[in-house]
Amino acid sequence: MLLTLVDETRSVRAAGQQMQLSYSSCWNIIRTLEGQLGCTLIERTQGGAGGSQSHLTQRGRLLLSRFAEYEKRIRAEAGVLYPEYFGGLFE
């Protein structure tokens, strides 16, 4: 969710505000994830007339895309498995 919001808002601070997380907590999450994956997910541009902006790297976008597909597949499989394990149990 954090990466999606950074992508939408172009701001780690704004993404954190929407999630009710502090700016430093957001960066701690991002740095931890980047460290675990071994790649940079977010790049930051400093200052200028429009202020600082953050954006996802190509790998960050790929991660979000693949996660969305993974989540879609998991939901589909859960829809098949749920009736098998729980169908009629609570009726």
PDB file of N, CA and C in Angstrom:
ATOM      1  N   MET A   1       0.823  -1.190   0.000  1.00  0.00           N
ATOM      2  CA  MET A   1       0.000   0.000   0.000  1.00  0.00           C
ATOM      3  C   MET A   1       0.871   1.260   0.000  1.00  0.00           C
ATOM      4  N   LEU A   2       1.939   1.236   0.791  1.00  0.00           N
ATOM      5  CA  LEU A   2       2.830   2.395   0.858  1.00  0.00           C
ATOM      6  C   LEU A   2       3.408   2.704  -0.518  1.00  0.00           C
ATOM      7  N   LEU A   3       3.890   1.698  -1.211  1.00  0.00           N
ATOM      8  CA  LEU A   3       4.476   1.928  -2.537  1.00  0.00           C
ATOM      9  C   LEU A   3       3.427   2.444  -3.520  1.00  0.00           C
ATOM     10  N   THR A   4       2.235   1.914  -3.448  1.00  0.00           N
ATOM     11  CA  THR A   4       1.157   2.374  -4.326  1.00  0.00           C
ATOM     12  C   THR A   4       0.849   3.841  -4.072  1.00  0.00           C
ATOM     13  N   LEU A   5       0.768   4.221  -2.804  1.00  0.00           N
ATOM     14  CA  LEU A   5       0.463   5.610  -2.464  1.00  0.00           C
ATOM     15  C   LEU A   5       1.605   6.551  -2.839  1.00  0.00           C
ATOM     16  N   VAL A   6       2.844   6.107  -2.691  1.00  0.00           N
ATOM     17  CA  VAL A   6       3.973   6.933  -3.125  1.00  0.00           C
ATOM     18  C   VAL A   6       3.872   7.148  -4.631  1.00  0.00           C
ATOM     19  N   ASP A   7       3.540   6.103  -5.358  1.00  0.00           N
ATOM     20  CA  ASP A   7       3.395   6.206  -6.806  1.00  0.00           C
ATOM     21  C   ASP A   7       2.292   7.196  -7.172  1.00  0.00           C
ATOM     22  N   GLU A   8       1.187   7.146  -6.465  1.00  0.00           N
ATOM     23  CA  GLU A   8       0.047   8.031  -6.759  1.00  0.00           C
ATOM     24  C   GLU A   8       0.309   9.482  -6.372  1.00  0.00           C
ATOM     25  N   THR A   9       0.912   9.685  -5.202  1.00  0.00           N
ATOM     26  CA  THR A   9       1.076  11.040  -4.671  1.00  0.00           C
ATOM     27  C   THR A   9       2.413  11.680  -5.032  1.00  0.00           C
ATOM     28  N   ARG A  10       3.371  10.861  -5.450  1.00  0.00           N
ATOM     29  CA  ARG A  10       4.742  11.319  -5.725  1.00  0.00           C
ATOM     30  C   ARG A  10       5.404  11.882  -4.465  1.00  0.00           C
ATOM     31  N   SER A  11       4.951  11.370  -3.300  1.00  0.00           N
ATOM     32  CA  SER A  11       5.458  11.890  -2.039  1.00  0.00           C
ATOM     33  C   SER A  11       5.397  10.815  -0.953  1.00  0.00           C
ATOM     34  N   VAL A  12       6.537  10.583  -0.314  1.00  0.00           N
ATOM     35  CA  VAL A  12       6.560   9.644   0.806  1.00  0.00           C
ATOM     36  C   VAL A  12       5.786  10.242   1.978  1.00  0.00           C
ATOM     37  N   ARG A  13       5.930  11.526   2.182  1.00  0.00           N
ATOM     38  CA  ARG A  13       5.217  12.191   3.282  1.00  0.00           C
ATOM     39  C   ARG A  13       3.701  12.104   3.103  1.00  0.00           C
ATOM     40  N   ALA A  14       3.206  12.412   1.912  1.00  0.00           N
ATOM     41  CA  ALA A  14       1.763  12.363   1.650  1.00  0.00           C
ATOM     42  C   ALA A  14       1.240  10.930   1.761  1.00  0.00           C
ATOM     43  N   ALA A  15       2.011   9.970   1.265  1.00  0.00           N
ATOM     44  CA  ALA A  15       1.616   8.561   1.375  1.00  0.00           C
ATOM     45  C   ALA A  15       1.510   8.167   2.842  1.00  0.00           C
ATOM     46  N   GLY A  16       2.490   8.572   3.633  1.00  0.00           N
ATOM     47  CA  GLY A  16       2.473   8.271   5.060  1.00  0.00           C
ATOM     48  C   GLY A  16       1.296   8.899   5.774  1.00  0.00           C
ATOM     49  N   GLN A  17       0.975  10.130   5.409  1.00  0.00           N
ATOM     50  CA  GLN A  17      -0.169  10.800   6.032  1.00  0.00           C
ATOM     51  C   GLN A  17      -1.459  10.037   5.748  1.00  0.00           C
ATOM     52  N   GLN A  18      -1.603   9.548   4.525  1.00  0.00           N
ATOM     53  CA  GLN A  18      -2.812   8.791   4.185  1.00  0.00           C
ATOM     54  C   GLN A  18      -2.890   7.471   4.954  1.00  0.00           C
ATOM     55  N   MET A  19      -1.727   6.925   5.305  1.00  0.00           N
ATOM     56  CA  MET A  19      -1.694   5.661   6.056  1.00  0.00           C
ATOM     57  C   MET A  19      -1.575   5.894   7.559  1.00  0.00           C
ATOM     58  N   GLN A  20      -1.512   7.148   7.947  1.00  0.00           N
ATOM     59  CA  GLN A  20      -1.327   7.546   9.344  1.00  0.00           C
ATOM     60  C   GLN A  20      -0.014   7.001   9.898  1.00  0.00           C
ATOM     61  N   LEU A  21       1.034   7.126   9.080  1.00  0.00           N
ATOM     62  CA  LEU A  21       2.395   6.750   9.477  1.00  0.00           C
ATOM     63  C   LEU A  21       3.282   7.981   9.408  1.00  0.00           C
ATOM     64  N   SER A  22       4.267   8.045  10.281  1.00  0.00           N
ATOM     65  CA  SER A  22       5.202   9.166  10.236  1.00  0.00           C
ATOM     66  C   SER A  22       6.123   9.027   9.023  1.00  0.00           C
ATOM     67  N   TYR A  23       6.667  10.144   8.620  1.00  0.00           N
ATOM     68  CA  TYR A  23       7.599  10.182   7.498  1.00  0.00           C
ATOM     69  C   TYR A  23       8.780   9.241   7.753  1.00  0.00           C
ATOM     70  N   SER A  24       9.319   9.280   8.971  1.00  0.00           N
ATOM     71  CA  SER A  24      10.474   8.424   9.287  1.00  0.00           C
ATOM     72  C   SER A  24      10.083   6.945   9.289  1.00  0.00           C
ATOM     73  N   SER A  25       8.885   6.618   9.742  1.00  0.00           N
ATOM     74  CA  SER A  25       8.424   5.230   9.703  1.00  0.00           C
ATOM     75  C   SER A  25       8.316   4.737   8.265  1.00  0.00           C
ATOM     76  N   CYS A  26       7.815   5.592   7.395  1.00  0.00           N
ATOM     77  CA  CYS A  26       7.707   5.223   5.983  1.00  0.00           C
ATOM     78  C   CYS A  26       9.070   4.915   5.400  1.00  0.00           C
ATOM     79  N   TRP A  27      10.035   5.788   5.649  1.00  0.00           N
ATOM     80  CA  TRP A  27      11.372   5.554   5.111  1.00  0.00           C
ATOM     81  C   TRP A  27      12.013   4.320   5.733  1.00  0.00           C
ATOM     82  N   ASN A  28      11.733   4.054   7.002  1.00  0.00           N
ATOM     83  CA  ASN A  28      12.254   2.820   7.615  1.00  0.00           C
ATOM     84  C   ASN A  28      11.684   1.591   6.919  1.00  0.00           C
ATOM     85  N   ILE A  29      10.403   1.617   6.603  1.00  0.00           N
ATOM     86  CA  ILE A  29       9.768   0.500   5.896  1.00  0.00           C
ATOM     87  C   ILE A  29      10.393   0.346   4.506  1.00  0.00           C
ATOM     88  N   ILE A  30      10.528   1.445   3.809  1.00  0.00           N
ATOM     89  CA  ILE A  30      11.085   1.420   2.449  1.00  0.00           C
ATOM     90  C   ILE A  30      12.517   0.902   2.469  1.00  0.00           C
ATOM     91  N   ARG A  31      13.333   1.425   3.367  1.00  0.00           N
ATOM     92  CA  ARG A  31      14.743   0.988   3.441  1.00  0.00           C
ATOM     93  C   ARG A  31      14.857  -0.488   3.818  1.00  0.00           C
ATOM     94  N   THR A  32      14.014  -0.940   4.721  1.00  0.00           N
ATOM     95  CA  THR A  32      14.025  -2.358   5.106  1.00  0.00           C
ATOM     96  C   THR A  32      13.677  -3.231   3.905  1.00  0.00           C
ATOM     97  N   LEU A  33      12.625  -2.861   3.204  1.00  0.00           N
ATOM     98  CA  LEU A  33      12.208  -3.622   2.025  1.00  0.00           C
ATOM     99  C   LEU A  33      13.299  -3.615   0.957  1.00  0.00           C
ATOM    100  N   GLU A  34      13.878  -2.453   0.693  1.00  0.00           N
ATOM    101  CA  GLU A  34      14.952  -2.366  -0.293  1.00  0.00           C
ATOM    102  C   GLU A  34      16.143  -3.226   0.120  1.00  0.00           C
ATOM    103  N   GLY A  35      16.463  -3.229   1.399  1.00  0.00           N
ATOM    104  CA  GLY A  35      17.569  -4.046   1.892  1.00  0.00           C
ATOM    105  C   GLY A  35      17.299  -5.526   1.730  1.00  0.00           C
ATOM    106  N   GLN A  36      16.077  -5.936   2.003  1.00  0.00           N
ATOM    107  CA  GLN A  36      15.722  -7.343   1.862  1.00  0.00           C
ATOM    108  C   GLN A  36      15.703  -7.785   0.402  1.00  0.00           C
ATOM    109  N   LEU A  37      15.271  -6.890  -0.486  1.00  0.00           N
ATOM    110  CA  LEU A  37      15.191  -7.227  -1.906  1.00  0.00           C
ATOM    111  C   LEU A  37      16.497  -6.985  -2.653  1.00  0.00           C
ATOM    112  N   GLY A  38      17.349  -6.156  -2.069  1.00  0.00           N
ATOM    113  CA  GLY A  38      18.633  -5.860  -2.707  1.00  0.00           C
ATOM    114  C   GLY A  38      18.528  -4.931  -3.902  1.00  0.00           C
ATOM    115  N   CYS A  39      17.513  -4.064  -3.904  1.00  0.00           N
ATOM    116  CA  CYS A  39      17.377  -3.104  -5.003  1.00  0.00           C
ATOM    117  C   CYS A  39      16.658  -1.848  -4.497  1.00  0.00           C
ATOM    118  N   THR A  40      16.813  -0.772  -5.241  1.00  0.00           N
ATOM    119  CA  THR A  40      16.157   0.485  -4.910  1.00  0.00           C
ATOM    120  C   THR A  40      14.752   0.483  -5.485  1.00  0.00           C
ATOM    121  N   LEU A  41      13.777   0.834  -4.679  1.00  0.00           N
ATOM    122  CA  LEU A  41      12.379   0.860  -5.112  1.00  0.00           C
ATOM    123  C   LEU A  41      11.865   2.275  -5.331  1.00  0.00           C
ATOM    124  N   ILE A  42      12.443   3.235  -4.601  1.00  0.00           N
ATOM    125  CA  ILE A  42      11.989   4.623  -4.678  1.00  0.00           C
ATOM    126  C   ILE A  42      13.187   5.534  -4.885  1.00  0.00           C
ATOM    127  N   GLU A  43      13.034   6.459  -5.829  1.00  0.00           N
ATOM    128  CA  GLU A  43      14.043   7.497  -6.045  1.00  0.00           C
ATOM    129  C   GLU A  43      13.418   8.837  -5.683  1.00  0.00           C
ATOM    130  N   ARG A  44      14.260   9.722  -5.203  1.00  0.00           N
ATOM    131  CA  ARG A  44      13.794  11.017  -4.732  1.00  0.00           C
ATOM    132  C   ARG A  44      14.506  12.113  -5.504  1.00  0.00           C
ATOM    133  N   THR A  45      13.766  13.125  -5.946  1.00  0.00           N
ATOM    134  CA  THR A  45      14.359  14.312  -6.544  1.00  0.00           C
ATOM    135  C   THR A  45      14.211  15.446  -5.544  1.00  0.00           C
ATOM    136  N   GLN A  46      15.252  16.220  -5.381  1.00  0.00           N
ATOM    137  CA  GLN A  46      15.288  17.269  -4.369  1.00  0.00           C
ATOM    138  C   GLN A  46      14.794  18.600  -4.907  1.00  0.00           C
ATOM    139  N   GLY A  47      14.079  19.309  -4.050  1.00  0.00           N
ATOM    140  CA  GLY A  47      13.736  20.709  -4.214  1.00  0.00           C
ATOM    141  C   GLY A  47      13.231  21.150  -5.566  1.00  0.00           C
ATOM    142  N   GLY A  48      13.606  22.358  -5.918  1.00  0.00           N
ATOM    143  CA  GLY A  48      13.130  22.957  -7.151  1.00  0.00           C
ATOM    144  C   GLY A  48      11.826  23.697  -6.911  1.00  0.00           C
ATOM    145  N   ALA A  49      11.275  24.234  -7.982  1.00  0.00           N
ATOM    146  CA  ALA A  49      10.052  25.037  -7.887  1.00  0.00           C
ATOM    147  C   ALA A  49       8.874  24.216  -7.363  1.00  0.00           C
ATOM    148  N   GLY A  50       8.786  22.966  -7.759  1.00  0.00           N
ATOM    149  CA  GLY A  50       7.672  22.126  -7.328  1.00  0.00           C
ATOM    150  C   GLY A  50       7.931  21.378  -6.041  1.00  0.00           C
ATOM    151  N   GLY A  51       9.099  21.553  -5.457  1.00  0.00           N
ATOM    152  CA  GLY A  51       9.445  20.833  -4.237  1.00  0.00           C
ATOM    153  C   GLY A  51       9.994  19.451  -4.556  1.00  0.00           C
ATOM    154  N   SER A  52      10.301  18.697  -3.525  1.00  0.00           N
ATOM    155  CA  SER A  52      10.837  17.348  -3.687  1.00  0.00           C
ATOM    156  C   SER A  52       9.737  16.409  -4.169  1.00  0.00           C
ATOM    157  N   GLN A  53      10.150  15.402  -4.911  1.00  0.00           N
ATOM    158  CA  GLN A  53       9.217  14.367  -5.353  1.00  0.00           C
ATOM    159  C   GLN A  53       9.877  13.013  -5.205  1.00  0.00           C
ATOM    160  N   SER A  54       9.053  12.003  -5.003  1.00  0.00           N
ATOM    161  CA  SER A  54       9.521  10.627  -4.949  1.00  0.00           C
ATOM    162  C   SER A  54       8.784   9.850  -6.019  1.00  0.00           C
ATOM    163  N   HIS A  55       9.480   8.918  -6.617  1.00  0.00           N
ATOM    164  CA  HIS A  55       8.821   8.078  -7.612  1.00  0.00           C
ATOM    165  C   HIS A  55       9.392   6.671  -7.564  1.00  0.00           C
ATOM    166  N   LEU A  56       8.600   5.728  -8.026  1.00  0.00           N
ATOM    167  CA  LEU A  56       9.039   4.340  -8.041  1.00  0.00           C
ATOM    168  C   LEU A  56      10.052   4.130  -9.165  1.00  0.00           C
ATOM    169  N   THR A  57      11.021   3.306  -8.866  1.00  0.00           N
ATOM    170  CA  THR A  57      11.960   2.893  -9.895  1.00  0.00           C
ATOM    171  C   THR A  57      11.265   1.859 -10.786  1.00  0.00           C
ATOM    172  N   GLN A  58      11.938   1.471 -11.837  1.00  0.00           N
ATOM    173  CA  GLN A  58      11.396   0.441 -12.715  1.00  0.00           C
ATOM    174  C   GLN A  58      11.151  -0.848 -11.931  1.00  0.00           C
ATOM    175  N   ARG A  59      12.080  -1.196 -11.043  1.00  0.00           N
ATOM    176  CA  ARG A  59      11.897  -2.399 -10.215  1.00  0.00           C
ATOM    177  C   ARG A  59      10.744  -2.239  -9.238  1.00  0.00           C
ATOM    178  N   GLY A  60      10.568  -1.029  -8.725  1.00  0.00           N
ATOM    179  CA  GLY A  60       9.440  -0.768  -7.830  1.00  0.00           C
ATOM    180  C   GLY A  60       8.113  -0.984  -8.538  1.00  0.00           C
ATOM    181  N   ARG A  61       8.024  -0.496  -9.766  1.00  0.00           N
ATOM    182  CA  ARG A  61       6.806  -0.695 -10.557  1.00  0.00           C
ATOM    183  C   ARG A  61       6.590  -2.175 -10.873  1.00  0.00           C
ATOM    184  N   LEU A  62       7.683  -2.866 -11.197  1.00  0.00           N
ATOM    185  CA  LEU A  62       7.591  -4.300 -11.481  1.00  0.00           C
ATOM    186  C   LEU A  62       7.110  -5.058 -10.241  1.00  0.00           C
ATOM    187  N   LEU A  63       7.632  -4.699  -9.078  1.00  0.00           N
ATOM    188  CA  LEU A  63       7.199  -5.334  -7.828  1.00  0.00           C
ATOM    189  C   LEU A  63       5.703  -5.140  -7.621  1.00  0.00           C
ATOM    190  N   LEU A  64       5.204  -3.911  -7.790  1.00  0.00           N
ATOM    191  CA  LEU A  64       3.777  -3.650  -7.609  1.00  0.00           C
ATOM    192  C   LEU A  64       2.937  -4.434  -8.613  1.00  0.00           C
ATOM    193  N   SER A  65       3.377  -4.470  -9.837  1.00  0.00           N
ATOM    194  CA  SER A  65       2.644  -5.187 -10.880  1.00  0.00           C
ATOM    195  C   SER A  65       2.573  -6.679 -10.571  1.00  0.00           C
ATOM    196  N   ARG A  66       3.697  -7.260 -10.231  1.00  0.00           N
ATOM    197  CA  ARG A  66       3.712  -8.696  -9.938  1.00  0.00           C
ATOM    198  C   ARG A  66       2.939  -9.015  -8.664  1.00  0.00           C
ATOM    199  N   PHE A  67       3.004  -8.143  -7.668  1.00  0.00           N
ATOM    200  CA  PHE A  67       2.247  -8.377  -6.450  1.00  0.00           C
ATOM    201  C   PHE A  67       0.753  -8.343  -6.738  1.00  0.00           C
ATOM    202  N   ALA A  68       0.318  -7.421  -7.592  1.00  0.00           N
ATOM    203  CA  ALA A  68      -1.097  -7.338  -7.941  1.00  0.00           C
ATOM    204  C   ALA A  68      -1.561  -8.632  -8.618  1.00  0.00           C
ATOM    205  N   GLU A  69      -0.755  -9.160  -9.502  1.00  0.00           N
ATOM    206  CA  GLU A  69      -1.095 -10.421 -10.165  1.00  0.00           C
ATOM    207  C   GLU A  69      -1.098 -11.584  -9.177  1.00  0.00           C
ATOM    208  N   TYR A  70      -0.130 -11.589  -8.294  1.00  0.00           N
ATOM    209  CA  TYR A  70      -0.044 -12.622  -7.251  1.00  0.00           C
ATOM    210  C   TYR A  70      -1.288 -12.591  -6.365  1.00  0.00           C
ATOM    211  N   GLU A  71      -1.657 -11.392  -5.926  1.00  0.00           N
ATOM    212  CA  GLU A  71      -2.819 -11.233  -5.061  1.00  0.00           C
ATOM    213  C   GLU A  71      -4.096 -11.669  -5.780  1.00  0.00           C
ATOM    214  N   LYS A  72      -4.216 -11.337  -7.056  1.00  0.00           N
ATOM    215  CA  LYS A  72      -5.374 -11.740  -7.852  1.00  0.00           C
ATOM    216  C   LYS A  72      -5.473 -13.262  -7.917  1.00  0.00           C
ATOM    217  N   ARG A  73      -4.350 -13.904  -8.126  1.00  0.00           N
ATOM    218  CA  ARG A  73      -4.324 -15.372  -8.213  1.00  0.00           C
ATOM    219  C   ARG A  73      -4.670 -16.016  -6.866  1.00  0.00           C
ATOM    220  N   ILE A  74      -4.128 -15.466  -5.796  1.00  0.00           N
ATOM    221  CA  ILE A  74      -4.416 -15.969  -4.446  1.00  0.00           C
ATOM    222  C   ILE A  74      -5.915 -15.873  -4.162  1.00  0.00           C
ATOM    223  N   ARG A  75      -6.522 -14.743  -4.491  1.00  0.00           N
ATOM    224  CA  ARG A  75      -7.959 -14.562  -4.261  1.00  0.00           C
ATOM    225  C   ARG A  75      -8.776 -15.569  -5.067  1.00  0.00           C
ATOM    226  N   ALA A  76      -8.367 -15.806  -6.296  1.00  0.00           N
ATOM    227  CA  ALA A  76      -9.074 -16.771  -7.135  1.00  0.00           C
ATOM    228  C   ALA A  76      -8.978 -18.173  -6.544  1.00  0.00           C
ATOM    229  N   GLU A  77      -7.794 -18.558  -6.104  1.00  0.00           N
ATOM    230  CA  GLU A  77      -7.607 -19.877  -5.504  1.00  0.00           C
ATOM    231  C   GLU A  77      -8.372 -20.002  -4.187  1.00  0.00           C
ATOM    232  N   ALA A  78      -8.408 -18.929  -3.425  1.00  0.00           N
ATOM    233  CA  ALA A  78      -9.154 -18.951  -2.167  1.00  0.00           C
ATOM    234  C   ALA A  78     -10.638 -19.159  -2.431  1.00  0.00           C
ATOM    235  N   GLY A  79     -11.140 -18.573  -3.508  1.00  0.00           N
ATOM    236  CA  GLY A  79     -12.535 -18.743  -3.871  1.00  0.00           C
ATOM    237  C   GLY A  79     -12.875 -20.185  -4.213  1.00  0.00           C
ATOM    238  N   VAL A  80     -11.908 -20.912  -4.736  1.00  0.00           N
ATOM    239  CA  VAL A  80     -12.099 -22.323  -5.058  1.00  0.00           C
ATOM    240  C   VAL A  80     -11.969 -23.181  -3.802  1.00  0.00           C
ATOM    241  N   LEU A  81     -11.004 -22.875  -2.975  1.00  0.00           N
ATOM    242  CA  LEU A  81     -10.727 -23.693  -1.790  1.00  0.00           C
ATOM    243  C   LEU A  81     -11.716 -23.483  -0.642  1.00  0.00           C
ATOM    244  N   TYR A  82     -12.222 -22.276  -0.496  1.00  0.00           N
ATOM    245  CA  TYR A  82     -13.113 -21.993   0.630  1.00  0.00           C
ATOM    246  C   TYR A  82     -14.308 -22.946   0.682  1.00  0.00           C
ATOM    247  N   PRO A  83     -15.060 -23.092  -0.418  1.00  0.00           N
ATOM    248  CA  PRO A  83     -16.211 -24.021  -0.339  1.00  0.00           C
ATOM    249  C   PRO A  83     -15.785 -25.457  -0.042  1.00  0.00           C
ATOM    250  N   GLU A  84     -14.624 -25.833  -0.525  1.00  0.00           N
ATOM    251  CA  GLU A  84     -14.137 -27.197  -0.286  1.00  0.00           C
ATOM    252  C   GLU A  84     -13.913 -27.448   1.208  1.00  0.00           C
ATOM    253  N   TYR A  85     -13.351 -26.480   1.890  1.00  0.00           N
ATOM    254  CA  TYR A  85     -13.026 -26.667   3.303  1.00  0.00           C
ATOM    255  C   TYR A  85     -14.117 -26.200   4.261  1.00  0.00           C
ATOM    256  N   PHE A  86     -14.863 -25.181   3.864  1.00  0.00           N
ATOM    257  CA  PHE A  86     -15.814 -24.579   4.801  1.00  0.00           C
ATOM    258  C   PHE A  86     -17.262 -24.598   4.311  1.00  0.00           C
ATOM    259  N   GLY A  87     -17.495 -25.045   3.091  1.00  0.00           N
ATOM    260  CA  GLY A  87     -18.855 -25.063   2.541  1.00  0.00           C
ATOM    261  C   GLY A  87     -19.778 -25.912   3.429  1.00  0.00           C
ATOM    262  N   GLY A  88     -20.886 -25.342   3.816  1.00  0.00           N
ATOM    263  CA  GLY A  88     -21.874 -26.052   4.635  1.00  0.00           C
ATOM    264  C   GLY A  88     -21.528 -26.149   6.117  1.00  0.00           C
ATOM    265  N   LEU A  89     -20.344 -25.762   6.499  1.00  0.00           N
ATOM    266  CA  LEU A  89     -19.921 -25.889   7.895  1.00  0.00           C
ATOM    267  C   LEU A  89     -20.734 -24.989   8.830  1.00  0.00           C
ATOM    268  N   PHE A  90     -21.094 -23.813   8.367  1.00  0.00           N
ATOM    269  CA  PHE A  90     -21.777 -22.843   9.234  1.00  0.00           C
ATOM    270  C   PHE A  90     -23.222 -22.595   8.811  1.00  0.00           C
ATOM    271  N   GLU A  91     -23.767 -23.456   8.007  1.00  0.00           N
ATOM    272  CA  GLU A  91     -25.145 -23.246   7.553  1.00  0.00           C
ATOM    273  C   GLU A  91     -26.111 -24.069   8.365  1.00  0.00           C
TER     274      GLU A  91
END
